[in-house]
């Protein structure tokens, strides 16, 4: 597949890392205002916060926490990948390591999830 200079090809091995970094950043940006809203309840309405915190025992919330930790890990490794792209020349083995970073991100999230259950 020929691609114009400067345009990312979907056939490129790191295209998934590119997309995952953007999507994880977007999801985290959506999550943060909700997180701050809940934290504000601690100061403005502690009784309501207690009721809200009872939801954290639900399985779906634990699954959402897994997703959040995965997003944080994938976004961190994506940021490290971007810094490496700016500062280092890429070889085939480095591309493999970048794919491995995604796998490590998933493992970190799974470990967190297993501990939360």
PDB file of N, CA and C in Angstrom:
ATOM      1  N   UNK A   1       0.845  -1.172   0.000  1.00  0.00           N
ATOM      2  CA  UNK A   1       0.000   0.000   0.000  1.00  0.00           C
ATOM      3  C   UNK A   1       0.892   1.237   0.000  1.00  0.00           C
ATOM      4  N   UNK A   2       0.766   2.071  -1.034  1.00  0.00           N
ATOM      5  CA  UNK A   2       1.539   3.301  -1.095  1.00  0.00           C
ATOM      6  C   UNK A   2       0.784   4.397  -0.363  1.00  0.00           C
ATOM      7  N   UNK A   3       1.548   5.161   0.398  1.00  0.00           N
ATOM      8  CA  UNK A   3       0.949   6.208   1.203  1.00  0.00           C
ATOM      9  C   UNK A   3       1.737   7.482   0.981  1.00  0.00           C
ATOM     10  N   UNK A   4       1.012   8.597   0.899  1.00  0.00           N
ATOM     11  CA  UNK A   4       1.681   9.885   0.753  1.00  0.00           C
ATOM     12  C   UNK A   4       2.538  10.163   1.976  1.00  0.00           C
ATOM     13  N   UNK A   5       3.630  10.876   1.751  1.00  0.00           N
ATOM     14  CA  UNK A   5       4.538  11.181   2.852  1.00  0.00           C
ATOM     15  C   UNK A   5       3.793  11.936   3.956  1.00  0.00           C
ATOM     16  N   UNK A   6       4.000  11.491   5.212  1.00  0.00           N
ATOM     17  CA  UNK A   6       3.380  12.157   6.351  1.00  0.00           C
ATOM     18  C   UNK A   6       2.037  11.568   6.767  1.00  0.00           C
ATOM     19  N   UNK A   7       1.507  10.645   5.981  1.00  0.00           N
ATOM     20  CA  UNK A   7       0.222  10.037   6.324  1.00  0.00           C
ATOM     21  C   UNK A   7       0.494   8.654   6.911  1.00  0.00           C
ATOM     22  N   UNK A   8      -0.141   8.362   8.029  1.00  0.00           N
ATOM     23  CA  UNK A   8       0.054   7.075   8.694  1.00  0.00           C
ATOM     24  C   UNK A   8      -0.699   5.990   7.941  1.00  0.00           C
ATOM     25  N   UNK A   9      -0.024   4.877   7.670  1.00  0.00           N
ATOM     26  CA  UNK A   9      -0.644   3.744   6.995  1.00  0.00           C
ATOM     27  C   UNK A   9      -1.219   2.781   8.027  1.00  0.00           C
ATOM     28  N   UNK A  10      -2.424   2.300   7.787  1.00  0.00           N
ATOM     29  CA  UNK A  10      -3.041   1.340   8.701  1.00  0.00           C
ATOM     30  C   UNK A  10      -2.335  -0.001   8.631  1.00  0.00           C
ATOM     31  N   UNK A  11      -1.529  -0.216   7.603  1.00  0.00           N
ATOM     32  CA  UNK A  11      -0.783  -1.464   7.479  1.00  0.00           C
ATOM     33  C   UNK A  11       0.502  -1.424   8.303  1.00  0.00           C
ATOM     34  N   UNK A  12       0.875  -0.274   8.813  1.00  0.00           N
ATOM     35  CA  UNK A  12       2.102  -0.143   9.597  1.00  0.00           C
ATOM     36  C   UNK A  12       1.915  -0.833  10.943  1.00  0.00           C
ATOM     37  N   UNK A  13       2.948  -1.561  11.416  1.00  0.00           N
ATOM     38  CA  UNK A  13       2.800  -2.313  12.676  1.00  0.00           C
ATOM     39  C   UNK A  13       2.487  -1.451  13.900  1.00  0.00           C
ATOM     40  N   UNK A  14       2.882  -0.201  13.892  1.00  0.00           N
ATOM     41  CA  UNK A  14       2.650   0.635  15.067  1.00  0.00           C
ATOM     42  C   UNK A  14       1.379   1.475  14.955  1.00  0.00           C
ATOM     43  N   UNK A  15       0.591   1.233  13.899  1.00  0.00           N
ATOM     44  CA  UNK A  15      -0.644   1.997  13.748  1.00  0.00           C
ATOM     45  C   UNK A  15      -1.588   1.731  14.913  1.00  0.00           C
ATOM     46  N   UNK A  16      -1.661   0.472  15.378  1.00  0.00           N
ATOM     47  CA  UNK A  16      -2.527   0.143  16.511  1.00  0.00           C
ATOM     48  C   UNK A  16      -2.080   0.894  17.761  1.00  0.00           C
ATOM     49  N   UNK A  17      -0.766   0.985  17.988  1.00  0.00           N
ATOM     50  CA  UNK A  17      -0.256   1.729  19.144  1.00  0.00           C
ATOM     51  C   UNK A  17      -0.650   3.205  19.041  1.00  0.00           C
ATOM     52  N   UNK A  18      -0.574   3.750  17.845  1.00  0.00           N
ATOM     53  CA  UNK A  18      -0.966   5.138  17.587  1.00  0.00           C
ATOM     54  C   UNK A  18      -2.439   5.359  17.955  1.00  0.00           C
ATOM     55  N   UNK A  19      -3.298   4.461  17.466  1.00  0.00           N
ATOM     56  CA  UNK A  19      -4.734   4.588  17.723  1.00  0.00           C
ATOM     57  C   UNK A  19      -5.046   4.371  19.200  1.00  0.00           C
ATOM     58  N   UNK A  20      -4.422   3.360  19.821  1.00  0.00           N
ATOM     59  CA  UNK A  20      -4.676   3.082  21.234  1.00  0.00           C
ATOM     60  C   UNK A  20      -4.282   4.264  22.110  1.00  0.00           C
ATOM     61  N   UNK A  21      -3.183   4.937  21.768  1.00  0.00           N
ATOM     62  CA  UNK A  21      -2.754   6.084  22.565  1.00  0.00           C
ATOM     63  C   UNK A  21      -3.770   7.215  22.457  1.00  0.00           C
ATOM     64  N   UNK A  22      -4.266   7.456  21.257  1.00  0.00           N
ATOM     65  CA  UNK A  22      -5.262   8.522  21.078  1.00  0.00           C
ATOM     66  C   UNK A  22      -6.565   8.183  21.788  1.00  0.00           C
ATOM     67  N   UNK A  23      -7.037   6.951  21.627  1.00  0.00           N
ATOM     68  CA  UNK A  23      -8.307   6.565  22.246  1.00  0.00           C
ATOM     69  C   UNK A  23      -8.209   6.520  23.770  1.00  0.00           C
ATOM     70  N   UNK A  24      -7.083   6.047  24.291  1.00  0.00           N
ATOM     71  CA  UNK A  24      -6.932   6.019  25.746  1.00  0.00           C
ATOM     72  C   UNK A  24      -6.880   7.437  26.301  1.00  0.00           C
ATOM     73  N   UNK A  25      -6.219   8.348  25.601  1.00  0.00           N
ATOM     74  CA  UNK A  25      -6.191   9.744  26.043  1.00  0.00           C
ATOM     75  C   UNK A  25      -7.577  10.361  26.040  1.00  0.00           C
ATOM     76  N   UNK A  26      -8.349  10.074  25.011  1.00  0.00           N
ATOM     77  CA  UNK A  26      -9.716  10.584  24.930  1.00  0.00           C
ATOM     78  C   UNK A  26     -10.578  10.015  26.053  1.00  0.00           C
ATOM     79  N   UNK A  27     -10.475   8.717  26.290  1.00  0.00           N
ATOM     80  CA  UNK A  27     -11.268   8.088  27.358  1.00  0.00           C
ATOM     81  C   UNK A  27     -10.881   8.642  28.726  1.00  0.00           C
ATOM     82  N   UNK A  28      -9.594   8.854  28.955  1.00  0.00           N
ATOM     83  CA  UNK A  28      -9.147   9.417  30.230  1.00  0.00           C
ATOM     84  C   UNK A  28      -9.620  10.860  30.382  1.00  0.00           C
ATOM     85  N   UNK A  29      -9.637  11.605  29.295  1.00  0.00           N
ATOM     86  CA  UNK A  29     -10.120  12.988  29.347  1.00  0.00           C
ATOM     87  C   UNK A  29     -11.611  13.031  29.682  1.00  0.00           C
ATOM     88  N   UNK A  30     -12.363  12.053  29.228  1.00  0.00           N
ATOM     89  CA  UNK A  30     -13.782  11.977  29.565  1.00  0.00           C
ATOM     90  C   UNK A  30     -13.957  11.550  31.022  1.00  0.00           C
ATOM     91  N   UNK A  31     -13.112  10.644  31.498  1.00  0.00           N
ATOM     92  CA  UNK A  31     -13.215  10.127  32.856  1.00  0.00           C
ATOM     93  C   UNK A  31     -12.867  11.173  33.917  1.00  0.00           C
ATOM     94  N   UNK A  32     -11.847  11.982  33.682  1.00  0.00           N
ATOM     95  CA  UNK A  32     -11.345  12.889  34.722  1.00  0.00           C
ATOM     96  C   UNK A  32     -12.391  13.838  35.297  1.00  0.00           C
ATOM     97  N   UNK A  33     -13.209  14.501  34.500  1.00  0.00           N
ATOM     98  CA  UNK A  33     -14.231  15.368  35.115  1.00  0.00           C
ATOM     99  C   UNK A  33     -15.188  14.599  36.025  1.00  0.00           C
ATOM    100  N   UNK A  34     -15.550  13.380  35.642  1.00  0.00           N
ATOM    101  CA  UNK A  34     -16.415  12.561  36.500  1.00  0.00           C
ATOM    102  C   UNK A  34     -15.698  12.205  37.798  1.00  0.00           C
ATOM    103  N   UNK A  35     -14.428  11.899  37.697  1.00  0.00           N
ATOM    104  CA  UNK A  35     -13.632  11.568  38.879  1.00  0.00           C
ATOM    105  C   UNK A  35     -13.567  12.763  39.840  1.00  0.00           C
ATOM    106  N   UNK A  36     -13.318  13.948  39.298  1.00  0.00           N
ATOM    107  CA  UNK A  36     -13.254  15.146  40.139  1.00  0.00           C
ATOM    108  C   UNK A  36     -14.611  15.471  40.754  1.00  0.00           C
ATOM    109  N   UNK A  37     -15.674  15.188  40.024  1.00  0.00           N
ATOM    110  CA  UNK A  37     -17.021  15.412  40.557  1.00  0.00           C
ATOM    111  C   UNK A  37     -17.257  14.526  41.777  1.00  0.00           C
ATOM    112  N   UNK A  38     -16.859  13.259  41.677  1.00  0.00           N
ATOM    113  CA  UNK A  38     -17.026  12.340  42.809  1.00  0.00           C
ATOM    114  C   UNK A  38     -16.133  12.780  43.972  1.00  0.00           C
ATOM    115  N   UNK A  39     -14.912  13.186  43.700  1.00  0.00           N
ATOM    116  CA  UNK A  39     -14.026  13.662  44.762  1.00  0.00           C
ATOM    117  C   UNK A  39     -14.593  14.901  45.453  1.00  0.00           C
ATOM    118  N   UNK A  40     -15.247  15.753  44.697  1.00  0.00           N
ATOM    119  CA  UNK A  40     -15.840  16.955  45.290  1.00  0.00           C
ATOM    120  C   UNK A  40     -16.947  16.600  46.273  1.00  0.00           C
ATOM    121  N   UNK A  41     -17.592  15.447  46.077  1.00  0.00           N
ATOM    122  CA  UNK A  41     -18.637  15.014  47.008  1.00  0.00           C
ATOM    123  C   UNK A  41     -18.081  14.829  48.418  1.00  0.00           C
ATOM    124  N   UNK A  42     -16.817  14.488  48.532  1.00  0.00           N
ATOM    125  CA  UNK A  42     -16.213  14.298  49.853  1.00  0.00           C
ATOM    126  C   UNK A  42     -16.277  15.581  50.668  1.00  0.00           C
ATOM    127  N   UNK A  43     -16.223  16.716  49.996  1.00  0.00           N
ATOM    128  CA  UNK A  43     -16.260  17.996  50.703  1.00  0.00           C
ATOM    129  C   UNK A  43     -17.657  18.587  50.778  1.00  0.00           C
ATOM    130  N   UNK A  44     -18.472  18.321  49.769  1.00  0.00           N
ATOM    131  CA  UNK A  44     -19.772  18.977  49.711  1.00  0.00           C
ATOM    132  C   UNK A  44     -20.924  18.129  50.235  1.00  0.00           C
ATOM    133  N   UNK A  45     -20.849  16.810  50.057  1.00  0.00           N
ATOM    134  CA  UNK A  45     -21.970  15.945  50.445  1.00  0.00           C
ATOM    135  C   UNK A  45     -21.451  14.550  50.808  1.00  0.00           C
ATOM    136  N   UNK A  46     -20.820  14.405  51.984  1.00  0.00           N
ATOM    137  CA  UNK A  46     -20.225  13.124  52.368  1.00  0.00           C
ATOM    138  C   UNK A  46     -21.214  11.962  52.409  1.00  0.00           C
ATOM    139  N   UNK A  47     -22.463  12.220  52.765  1.00  0.00           N
ATOM    140  CA  UNK A  47     -23.462  11.152  52.820  1.00  0.00           C
ATOM    141  C   UNK A  47     -23.716  10.608  51.412  1.00  0.00           C
ATOM    142  N   UNK A  48     -23.836  11.503  50.469  1.00  0.00           N
ATOM    143  CA  UNK A  48     -24.035  11.087  49.074  1.00  0.00           C
ATOM    144  C   UNK A  48     -22.813  10.327  48.560  1.00  0.00           C
ATOM    145  N   UNK A  49     -21.615  10.762  48.966  1.00  0.00           N
ATOM    146  CA  UNK A  49     -20.392  10.068  48.576  1.00  0.00           C
ATOM    147  C   UNK A  49     -20.395   8.639  49.116  1.00  0.00           C
ATOM    148  N   UNK A  50     -20.810   8.461  50.372  1.00  0.00           N
ATOM    149  CA  UNK A  50     -20.875   7.116  50.954  1.00  0.00           C
ATOM    150  C   UNK A  50     -21.800   6.210  50.144  1.00  0.00           C
ATOM    151  N   UNK A  51     -22.934   6.748  49.752  1.00  0.00           N
ATOM    152  CA  UNK A  51     -23.857   5.971  48.927  1.00  0.00           C
ATOM    153  C   UNK A  51     -23.248   5.631  47.579  1.00  0.00           C
ATOM    154  N   UNK A  52     -22.541   6.581  47.011  1.00  0.00           N
ATOM    155  CA  UNK A  52     -21.897   6.357  45.715  1.00  0.00           C
ATOM    156  C   UNK A  52     -20.786   5.314  45.837  1.00  0.00           C
ATOM    157  N   UNK A  53     -20.052   5.353  46.946  1.00  0.00           N
ATOM    158  CA  UNK A  53     -18.943   4.414  47.124  1.00  0.00           C
ATOM    159  C   UNK A  53     -19.421   2.977  47.311  1.00  0.00           C
ATOM    160  N   UNK A  54     -20.664   2.794  47.735  1.00  0.00           N
ATOM    161  CA  UNK A  54     -21.204   1.435  47.837  1.00  0.00           C
ATOM    162  C   UNK A  54     -21.295   0.786  46.460  1.00  0.00           C
ATOM    163  N   UNK A  55     -21.397   1.589  45.417  1.00  0.00           N
ATOM    164  CA  UNK A  55     -21.435   1.058  44.049  1.00  0.00           C
ATOM    165  C   UNK A  55     -20.118   0.388  43.666  1.00  0.00           C
ATOM    166  N   UNK A  56     -19.022   0.769  44.342  1.00  0.00           N
ATOM    167  CA  UNK A  56     -17.711   0.221  43.968  1.00  0.00           C
ATOM    168  C   UNK A  56     -17.592  -1.265  44.258  1.00  0.00           C
ATOM    169  N   UNK A  57     -18.536  -1.820  44.992  1.00  0.00           N
ATOM    170  CA  UNK A  57     -18.517  -3.252  45.277  1.00  0.00           C
ATOM    171  C   UNK A  57     -19.150  -4.065  44.151  1.00  0.00           C
ATOM    172  N   UNK A  58     -19.805  -3.394  43.224  1.00  0.00           N
ATOM    173  CA  UNK A  58     -20.463  -4.082  42.110  1.00  0.00           C
ATOM    174  C   UNK A  58     -19.416  -4.603  41.123  1.00  0.00           C
ATOM    175  N   UNK A  59     -19.710  -5.746  40.526  1.00  0.00           N
ATOM    176  CA  UNK A  59     -18.787  -6.363  39.566  1.00  0.00           C
ATOM    177  C   UNK A  59     -18.508  -5.486  38.355  1.00  0.00           C
ATOM    178  N   UNK A  60     -19.537  -4.780  37.880  1.00  0.00           N
ATOM    179  CA  UNK A  60     -19.347  -3.939  36.697  1.00  0.00           C
ATOM    180  C   UNK A  60     -18.393  -2.779  36.994  1.00  0.00           C
ATOM    181  N   UNK A  61     -18.404  -2.293  38.228  1.00  0.00           N
ATOM    182  CA  UNK A  61     -17.491  -1.210  38.607  1.00  0.00           C
ATOM    183  C   UNK A  61     -16.068  -1.743  38.685  1.00  0.00           C
ATOM    184  N   UNK A  62     -15.908  -2.953  39.196  1.00  0.00           N
ATOM    185  CA  UNK A  62     -14.573  -3.564  39.239  1.00  0.00           C
ATOM    186  C   UNK A  62     -14.048  -3.786  37.829  1.00  0.00           C
ATOM    187  N   UNK A  63     -14.919  -4.158  36.919  1.00  0.00           N
ATOM    188  CA  UNK A  63     -14.528  -4.310  35.527  1.00  0.00           C
ATOM    189  C   UNK A  63     -14.135  -2.950  34.930  1.00  0.00           C
ATOM    190  N   UNK A  64     -14.881  -1.910  35.290  1.00  0.00           N
ATOM    191  CA  UNK A  64     -14.550  -0.566  34.818  1.00  0.00           C
ATOM    192  C   UNK A  64     -13.199  -0.105  35.382  1.00  0.00           C
ATOM    193  N   UNK A  65     -12.900  -0.487  36.624  1.00  0.00           N
ATOM    194  CA  UNK A  65     -11.593  -0.155  37.204  1.00  0.00           C
ATOM    195  C   UNK A  65     -10.473  -0.839  36.428  1.00  0.00           C
ATOM    196  N   UNK A  66     -10.714  -2.088  36.041  1.00  0.00           N
ATOM    197  CA  UNK A  66      -9.749  -2.795  35.192  1.00  0.00           C
ATOM    198  C   UNK A  66      -9.516  -1.991  33.909  1.00  0.00           C
ATOM    199  N   UNK A  67     -10.603  -1.559  33.287  1.00  0.00           N
ATOM    200  CA  UNK A  67     -10.485  -0.769  32.065  1.00  0.00           C
ATOM    201  C   UNK A  67      -9.715   0.524  32.289  1.00  0.00           C
ATOM    202  N   UNK A  68      -9.956   1.161  33.411  1.00  0.00           N
ATOM    203  CA  UNK A  68      -9.267   2.410  33.721  1.00  0.00           C
ATOM    204  C   UNK A  68      -7.766   2.182  33.902  1.00  0.00           C
ATOM    205  N   UNK A  69      -7.408   1.153  34.656  1.00  0.00           N
ATOM    206  CA  UNK A  69      -5.985   0.858  34.846  1.00  0.00           C
ATOM    207  C   UNK A  69      -5.336   0.497  33.510  1.00  0.00           C
ATOM    208  N   UNK A  70      -6.047  -0.254  32.680  1.00  0.00           N
ATOM    209  CA  UNK A  70      -5.524  -0.588  31.356  1.00  0.00           C
ATOM    210  C   UNK A  70      -5.321   0.676  30.530  1.00  0.00           C
ATOM    211  N   UNK A  71      -6.297   1.578  30.546  1.00  0.00           N
ATOM    212  CA  UNK A  71      -6.159   2.824  29.794  1.00  0.00           C
ATOM    213  C   UNK A  71      -4.976   3.654  30.293  1.00  0.00           C
ATOM    214  N   UNK A  72      -4.826   3.728  31.609  1.00  0.00           N
ATOM    215  CA  UNK A  72      -3.694   4.475  32.161  1.00  0.00           C
ATOM    216  C   UNK A  72      -2.363   3.855  31.741  1.00  0.00           C
ATOM    217  N   UNK A  73      -2.278   2.538  31.821  1.00  0.00           N
ATOM    218  CA  UNK A  73      -1.029   1.865  31.453  1.00  0.00           C
ATOM    219  C   UNK A  73      -0.752   2.002  29.963  1.00  0.00           C
ATOM    220  N   UNK A  74      -1.756   1.804  29.131  1.00  0.00           N
ATOM    221  CA  UNK A  74      -1.551   1.895  27.690  1.00  0.00           C
ATOM    222  C   UNK A  74      -1.193   3.321  27.289  1.00  0.00           C
ATOM    223  N   UNK A  75      -1.786   4.297  27.960  1.00  0.00           N
ATOM    224  CA  UNK A  75      -1.478   5.690  27.646  1.00  0.00           C
ATOM    225  C   UNK A  75      -0.050   6.033  28.078  1.00  0.00           C
ATOM    226  N   UNK A  76       0.369   5.513  29.235  1.00  0.00           N
ATOM    227  CA  UNK A  76       1.735   5.759  29.689  1.00  0.00           C
ATOM    228  C   UNK A  76       2.743   5.145  28.710  1.00  0.00           C
ATOM    229  N   UNK A  77       2.525   3.877  28.341  1.00  0.00           N
ATOM    230  CA  UNK A  77       3.454   3.243  27.412  1.00  0.00           C
ATOM    231  C   UNK A  77       3.392   3.898  26.035  1.00  0.00           C
ATOM    232  N   UNK A  78       2.224   4.380  25.636  1.00  0.00           N
ATOM    233  CA  UNK A  78       2.117   5.107  24.369  1.00  0.00           C
ATOM    234  C   UNK A  78       2.914   6.398  24.403  1.00  0.00           C
ATOM    235  N   UNK A  79       2.875   7.080  25.537  1.00  0.00           N
ATOM    236  CA  UNK A  79       3.675   8.296  25.679  1.00  0.00           C
ATOM    237  C   UNK A  79       5.160   7.994  25.637  1.00  0.00           C
ATOM    238  N   UNK A  80       5.565   6.913  26.274  1.00  0.00           N
ATOM    239  CA  UNK A  80       6.970   6.506  26.212  1.00  0.00           C
ATOM    240  C   UNK A  80       7.367   6.157  24.781  1.00  0.00           C
ATOM    241  N   UNK A  81       6.446   5.520  24.050  1.00  0.00           N
ATOM    242  CA  UNK A  81       6.706   5.185  22.645  1.00  0.00           C
ATOM    243  C   UNK A  81       6.920   6.451  21.823  1.00  0.00           C
ATOM    244  N   UNK A  82       6.072   7.451  22.074  1.00  0.00           N
ATOM    245  CA  UNK A  82       6.215   8.697  21.330  1.00  0.00           C
ATOM    246  C   UNK A  82       7.548   9.385  21.637  1.00  0.00           C
ATOM    247  N   UNK A  83       7.946   9.378  22.904  1.00  0.00           N
ATOM    248  CA  UNK A  83       9.237   9.979  23.248  1.00  0.00           C
ATOM    249  C   UNK A  83      10.376   9.209  22.584  1.00  0.00           C
ATOM    250  N   UNK A  84      10.254   7.886  22.555  1.00  0.00           N
ATOM    251  CA  UNK A  84      11.281   7.084  21.905  1.00  0.00           C
ATOM    252  C   UNK A  84      11.332   7.372  20.404  1.00  0.00           C
ATOM    253  N   UNK A  85      10.162   7.559  19.793  1.00  0.00           N
ATOM    254  CA  UNK A  85      10.135   7.874  18.360  1.00  0.00           C
ATOM    255  C   UNK A  85      10.826   9.197  18.066  1.00  0.00           C
ATOM    256  N   UNK A  86      10.690  10.147  18.976  1.00  0.00           N
ATOM    257  CA  UNK A  86      11.308  11.450  18.770  1.00  0.00           C
ATOM    258  C   UNK A  86      12.818  11.407  18.985  1.00  0.00           C
ATOM    259  N   UNK A  87      13.272  10.563  19.896  1.00  0.00           N
ATOM    260  CA  UNK A  87      14.674  10.612  20.301  1.00  0.00           C
ATOM    261  C   UNK A  87      15.521   9.458  19.788  1.00  0.00           C
ATOM    262  N   UNK A  88      14.910   8.355  19.372  1.00  0.00           N
ATOM    263  CA  UNK A  88      15.679   7.164  18.985  1.00  0.00           C
ATOM    264  C   UNK A  88      15.332   6.710  17.576  1.00  0.00           C
ATOM    265  N   UNK A  89      16.315   6.142  16.865  1.00  0.00           N
ATOM    266  CA  UNK A  89      15.969   5.490  15.589  1.00  0.00           C
ATOM    267  C   UNK A  89      15.299   4.150  15.892  1.00  0.00           C
ATOM    268  N   UNK A  90      14.307   3.755  15.079  1.00  0.00           N
ATOM    269  CA  UNK A  90      13.549   2.530  15.333  1.00  0.00           C
ATOM    270  C   UNK A  90      14.101   1.372  14.517  1.00  0.00           C
ATOM    271  N   UNK A  91      14.245   0.235  15.163  1.00  0.00           N
ATOM    272  CA  UNK A  91      14.614  -1.002  14.483  1.00  0.00           C
ATOM    273  C   UNK A  91      13.445  -1.977  14.597  1.00  0.00           C
ATOM    274  N   UNK A  92      13.563  -3.099  13.928  1.00  0.00           N
ATOM    275  CA  UNK A  92      12.502  -4.106  13.990  1.00  0.00           C
ATOM    276  C   UNK A  92      12.309  -4.601  15.418  1.00  0.00           C
ATOM    277  N   UNK A  93      13.407  -4.794  16.140  1.00  0.00           N
ATOM    278  CA  UNK A  93      13.270  -5.281  17.518  1.00  0.00           C
ATOM    279  C   UNK A  93      12.589  -4.248  18.411  1.00  0.00           C
ATOM    280  N   UNK A  94      12.799  -2.964  18.136  1.00  0.00           N
ATOM    281  CA  UNK A  94      12.128  -1.933  18.930  1.00  0.00           C
ATOM    282  C   UNK A  94      10.635  -1.923  18.651  1.00  0.00           C
ATOM    283  N   UNK A  95      10.255  -2.191  17.423  1.00  0.00           N
ATOM    284  CA  UNK A  95       8.832  -2.287  17.097  1.00  0.00           C
ATOM    285  C   UNK A  95       8.206  -3.460  17.858  1.00  0.00           C
ATOM    286  N   UNK A  96       8.951  -4.539  17.983  1.00  0.00           N
ATOM    287  CA  UNK A  96       8.482  -5.692  18.750  1.00  0.00           C
ATOM    288  C   UNK A  96       8.338  -5.317  20.222  1.00  0.00           C
ATOM    289  N   UNK A  97       9.287  -4.554  20.736  1.00  0.00           N
ATOM    290  CA  UNK A  97       9.204  -4.105  22.127  1.00  0.00           C
ATOM    291  C   UNK A  97       7.992  -3.201  22.348  1.00  0.00           C
ATOM    292  N   UNK A  98       7.669  -2.372  21.365  1.00  0.00           N
ATOM    293  CA  UNK A  98       6.493  -1.512  21.489  1.00  0.00           C
ATOM    294  C   UNK A  98       5.225  -2.355  21.571  1.00  0.00           C
ATOM    295  N   UNK A  99       5.161  -3.414  20.776  1.00  0.00           N
ATOM    296  CA  UNK A  99       4.013  -4.315  20.859  1.00  0.00           C
ATOM    297  C   UNK A  99       4.007  -5.018  22.217  1.00  0.00           C
ATOM    298  N   UNK A 100       5.176  -5.354  22.712  1.00  0.00           N
ATOM    299  CA  UNK A 100       5.277  -5.976  24.031  1.00  0.00           C
ATOM    300  C   UNK A 100       4.805  -5.043  25.133  1.00  0.00           C
ATOM    301  N   UNK A 101       5.034  -3.745  24.966  1.00  0.00           N
ATOM    302  CA  UNK A 101       4.578  -2.772  25.961  1.00  0.00           C
ATOM    303  C   UNK A 101       3.058  -2.798  26.083  1.00  0.00           C
ATOM    304  N   UNK A 102       2.377  -3.016  24.969  1.00  0.00           N
ATOM    305  CA  UNK A 102       0.919  -3.141  25.019  1.00  0.00           C
ATOM    306  C   UNK A 102       0.521  -4.371  25.826  1.00  0.00           C
ATOM    307  N   UNK A 103       1.246  -5.463  25.611  1.00  0.00           N
ATOM    308  CA  UNK A 103       0.955  -6.684  26.366  1.00  0.00           C
ATOM    309  C   UNK A 103       1.227  -6.476  27.856  1.00  0.00           C
ATOM    310  N   UNK A 104       2.309  -5.780  28.190  1.00  0.00           N
ATOM    311  CA  UNK A 104       2.623  -5.502  29.598  1.00  0.00           C
ATOM    312  C   UNK A 104       1.530  -4.631  30.209  1.00  0.00           C
ATOM    313  N   UNK A 105       1.032  -3.654  29.453  1.00  0.00           N
ATOM    314  CA  UNK A 105      -0.061  -2.800  29.931  1.00  0.00           C
ATOM    315  C   UNK A 105      -1.273  -3.640  30.304  1.00  0.00           C
ATOM    316  N   UNK A 106      -1.591  -4.580  29.441  1.00  0.00           N
ATOM    317  CA  UNK A 106      -2.739  -5.448  29.700  1.00  0.00           C
ATOM    318  C   UNK A 106      -2.494  -6.297  30.946  1.00  0.00           C
ATOM    319  N   UNK A 107      -1.284  -6.810  31.098  1.00  0.00           N
ATOM    320  CA  UNK A 107      -0.959  -7.640  32.270  1.00  0.00           C
ATOM    321  C   UNK A 107      -1.069  -6.833  33.568  1.00  0.00           C
ATOM    322  N   UNK A 108      -0.611  -5.594  33.545  1.00  0.00           N
ATOM    323  CA  UNK A 108      -0.719  -4.734  34.725  1.00  0.00           C
ATOM    324  C   UNK A 108      -2.187  -4.552  35.105  1.00  0.00           C
ATOM    325  N   UNK A 109      -3.012  -4.301  34.098  1.00  0.00           N
ATOM    326  CA  UNK A 109      -4.438  -4.107  34.357  1.00  0.00           C
ATOM    327  C   UNK A 109      -5.074  -5.392  34.882  1.00  0.00           C
ATOM    328  N   UNK A 110      -4.687  -6.552  34.340  1.00  0.00           N
ATOM    329  CA  UNK A 110      -5.234  -7.825  34.807  1.00  0.00           C
ATOM    330  C   UNK A 110      -4.829  -8.078  36.254  1.00  0.00           C
ATOM    331  N   UNK A 111      -3.573  -7.814  36.602  1.00  0.00           N
ATOM    332  CA  UNK A 111      -3.128  -7.997  37.982  1.00  0.00           C
ATOM    333  C   UNK A 111      -3.931  -7.113  38.941  1.00  0.00           C
ATOM    334  N   UNK A 112      -4.152  -5.868  38.541  1.00  0.00           N
ATOM    335  CA  UNK A 112      -4.967  -4.971  39.358  1.00  0.00           C
ATOM    336  C   UNK A 112      -6.374  -5.534  39.513  1.00  0.00           C
ATOM    337  N   UNK A 113      -6.934  -6.006  38.411  1.00  0.00           N
ATOM    338  CA  UNK A 113      -8.294  -6.547  38.419  1.00  0.00           C
ATOM    339  C   UNK A 113      -8.392  -7.763  39.327  1.00  0.00           C
ATOM    340  N   UNK A 114      -7.405  -8.657  39.242  1.00  0.00           N
ATOM    341  CA  UNK A 114      -7.416  -9.865  40.063  1.00  0.00           C
ATOM    342  C   UNK A 114      -7.318  -9.512  41.553  1.00  0.00           C
ATOM    343  N   UNK A 115      -6.576  -8.484  41.863  1.00  0.00           N
ATOM    344  CA  UNK A 115      -6.459  -8.069  43.264  1.00  0.00           C
ATOM    345  C   UNK A 115      -7.748  -7.389  43.749  1.00  0.00           C
ATOM    346  N   UNK A 116      -8.449  -6.726  42.840  1.00  0.00           N
ATOM    347  CA  UNK A 116      -9.661  -6.004  43.208  1.00  0.00           C
ATOM    348  C   UNK A 116     -10.846  -6.921  43.439  1.00  0.00           C
ATOM    349  N   UNK A 117     -10.804  -8.106  42.858  1.00  0.00           N
ATOM    350  CA  UNK A 117     -11.946  -9.029  42.986  1.00  0.00           C
ATOM    351  C   UNK A 117     -12.069  -9.558  44.388  1.00  0.00           C
TER     352      UNK A 117
END
